Amino acid sequence: MEAVNTWEAILLGLLVLFVILWSRPGIKAAFQHAEKIEQKDWRGFLLPIILVILFVVFLVVISMTLNNNPDYSQGLSL
């Protein structure tokens, strides 16, 4: 993989800056709305994150189990 040219880096930086400035009104409104809410709903935020973490751990355990099993070490043959 070759390195990024200077003009590509500048173009990417301008694109990121444009996206930040373009979404600024929505971000500002979201922060103002969040300040008005007294009780934060952390369960609605944490539950999906915990489920994703558990799913990744499950995939790692399954991968390690299949890699340690001699029947699957050569891969699945159809």
C-alpha atoms as a PDB file:
ATOM      1  CA  MET A   1       0.000   0.000   0.000  1.00  0.00           C
ATOM      2  CA  GLU A   2       1.477   3.297  -0.993  1.00  0.00           C
ATOM      3  CA  ALA A   3       1.594   6.444   1.115  1.00  0.00           C
ATOM      4  CA  VAL A   4      -1.005   9.177   0.828  1.00  0.00           C
ATOM      5  CA  ASN A   5       0.045  12.081  -1.354  1.00  0.00           C
ATOM      6  CA  THR A   6       0.060  15.611   0.045  1.00  0.00           C
ATOM      7  CA  TRP A   7      -2.851  16.778  -2.076  1.00  0.00           C
ATOM      8  CA  GLU A   8      -4.904  13.749  -1.001  1.00  0.00           C
ATOM      9  CA  ALA A   9      -4.245  14.501   2.673  1.00  0.00           C
ATOM     10  CA  ILE A  10      -5.242  18.158   2.183  1.00  0.00           C
ATOM     11  CA  LEU A  11      -8.391  17.134   0.301  1.00  0.00           C
ATOM     12  CA  LEU A  12      -9.314  14.634   3.010  1.00  0.00           C
ATOM     13  CA  GLY A  13      -8.750  17.252   5.715  1.00  0.00           C
ATOM     14  CA  LEU A  14     -10.982  19.735   3.888  1.00  0.00           C
ATOM     15  CA  LEU A  15     -13.659  17.081   3.504  1.00  0.00           C
ATOM     16  CA  VAL A  16     -13.585  16.283   7.230  1.00  0.00           C
ATOM     17  CA  LEU A  17     -13.740  19.988   8.082  1.00  0.00           C
ATOM     18  CA  PHE A  18     -16.720  20.423   5.726  1.00  0.00           C
ATOM     19  CA  VAL A  19     -18.581  17.510   7.316  1.00  0.00           C
ATOM     20  CA  ILE A  20     -17.963  18.883  10.829  1.00  0.00           C
ATOM     21  CA  LEU A  21     -19.165  22.361   9.864  1.00  0.00           C
ATOM     22  CA  TRP A  22     -22.136  20.938   7.951  1.00  0.00           C
ATOM     23  CA  SER A  23     -23.338  18.861  10.928  1.00  0.00           C
ATOM     24  CA  ARG A  24     -22.640  21.562  13.546  1.00  0.00           C
ATOM     25  CA  PRO A  25     -26.235  22.877  13.817  1.00  0.00           C
ATOM     26  CA  GLY A  26     -27.565  19.377  14.476  1.00  0.00           C
ATOM     27  CA  ILE A  27     -24.875  18.662  17.051  1.00  0.00           C
ATOM     28  CA  LYS A  28     -25.562  21.971  18.794  1.00  0.00           C
ATOM     29  CA  ALA A  29     -29.299  21.254  18.937  1.00  0.00           C
ATOM     30  CA  ALA A  30     -28.656  17.754  20.293  1.00  0.00           C
ATOM     31  CA  PHE A  31     -26.486  19.134  23.097  1.00  0.00           C
ATOM     32  CA  GLN A  32     -29.104  21.754  23.983  1.00  0.00           C
ATOM     33  CA  HIS A  33     -31.811  19.097  24.055  1.00  0.00           C
ATOM     34  CA  ALA A  34     -29.654  16.838  26.243  1.00  0.00           C
ATOM     35  CA  GLU A  35     -29.183  19.623  28.800  1.00  0.00           C
ATOM     36  CA  LYS A  36     -32.964  19.970  29.198  1.00  0.00           C
ATOM     37  CA  ILE A  37     -33.445  16.300  30.024  1.00  0.00           C
ATOM     38  CA  GLU A  38     -33.194  15.734  33.767  1.00  0.00           C
ATOM     39  CA  GLN A  39     -32.954  11.959  33.932  1.00  0.00           C
ATOM     40  CA  LYS A  40     -30.519  10.360  31.527  1.00  0.00           C
ATOM     41  CA  ASP A  41     -31.414   7.006  30.032  1.00  0.00           C
ATOM     42  CA  TRP A  42     -28.103   5.192  30.397  1.00  0.00           C
ATOM     43  CA  ARG A  43     -29.660   1.754  30.093  1.00  0.00           C
ATOM     44  CA  GLY A  44     -30.689   2.457  26.525  1.00  0.00           C
ATOM     45  CA  PHE A  45     -27.108   3.440  25.758  1.00  0.00           C
ATOM     46  CA  LEU A  46     -25.245   0.733  27.673  1.00  0.00           C
ATOM     47  CA  LEU A  47     -27.378  -2.281  26.789  1.00  0.00           C
ATOM     48  CA  PRO A  48     -26.503  -2.347  23.045  1.00  0.00           C
ATOM     49  CA  ILE A  49     -22.821  -1.765  23.811  1.00  0.00           C
ATOM     50  CA  ILE A  50     -22.774  -4.625  26.325  1.00  0.00           C
ATOM     51  CA  LEU A  51     -24.534  -6.900  23.834  1.00  0.00           C
ATOM     52  CA  VAL A  52     -21.965  -6.086  21.135  1.00  0.00           C
ATOM     53  CA  ILE A  53     -19.090  -6.762  23.549  1.00  0.00           C
ATOM     54  CA  LEU A  54     -20.608 -10.101  24.570  1.00  0.00           C
ATOM     55  CA  PHE A  55     -21.116 -11.048  20.915  1.00  0.00           C
ATOM     56  CA  VAL A  56     -17.468 -10.268  20.103  1.00  0.00           C
ATOM     57  CA  VAL A  57     -16.308 -12.319  23.097  1.00  0.00           C
ATOM     58  CA  PHE A  58     -18.551 -15.161  21.903  1.00  0.00           C
ATOM     59  CA  LEU A  59     -16.986 -15.010  18.421  1.00  0.00           C
ATOM     60  CA  VAL A  60     -13.470 -15.055  19.881  1.00  0.00           C
ATOM     61  CA  VAL A  61     -14.280 -18.083  22.047  1.00  0.00           C
ATOM     62  CA  ILE A  62     -15.795 -19.928  19.089  1.00  0.00           C
ATOM     63  CA  SER A  63     -12.771 -19.088  16.945  1.00  0.00           C
ATOM     64  CA  MET A  64     -10.361 -20.317  19.604  1.00  0.00           C
ATOM     65  CA  THR A  65     -12.383 -23.497  20.068  1.00  0.00           C
ATOM     66  CA  LEU A  66     -12.395 -24.251  16.354  1.00  0.00           C
ATOM     67  CA  ASN A  67      -8.674 -23.511  16.017  1.00  0.00           C
ATOM     68  CA  ASN A  68      -7.820 -25.887  18.874  1.00  0.00           C
ATOM     69  CA  ASN A  69      -9.981 -28.701  17.517  1.00  0.00           C
ATOM     70  CA  PRO A  70      -7.883 -30.986  15.265  1.00  0.00           C
ATOM     71  CA  ASP A  71     -10.895 -31.791  13.071  1.00  0.00           C
ATOM     72  CA  TYR A  72     -11.275 -28.126  12.092  1.00  0.00           C
ATOM     73  CA  SER A  73      -7.613 -27.141  12.004  1.00  0.00           C
ATOM     74  CA  GLN A  74      -7.393 -27.833   8.267  1.00  0.00           C
ATOM     75  CA  GLY A  75     -10.605 -25.943   7.551  1.00  0.00           C
ATOM     76  CA  LEU A  76     -13.957 -27.225   6.528  1.00  0.00           C
ATOM     77  CA  SER A  77     -13.978 -29.492   3.498  1.00  0.00           C
ATOM     78  CA  LEU A  78     -17.177 -29.696   1.529  1.00  0.00           C
END
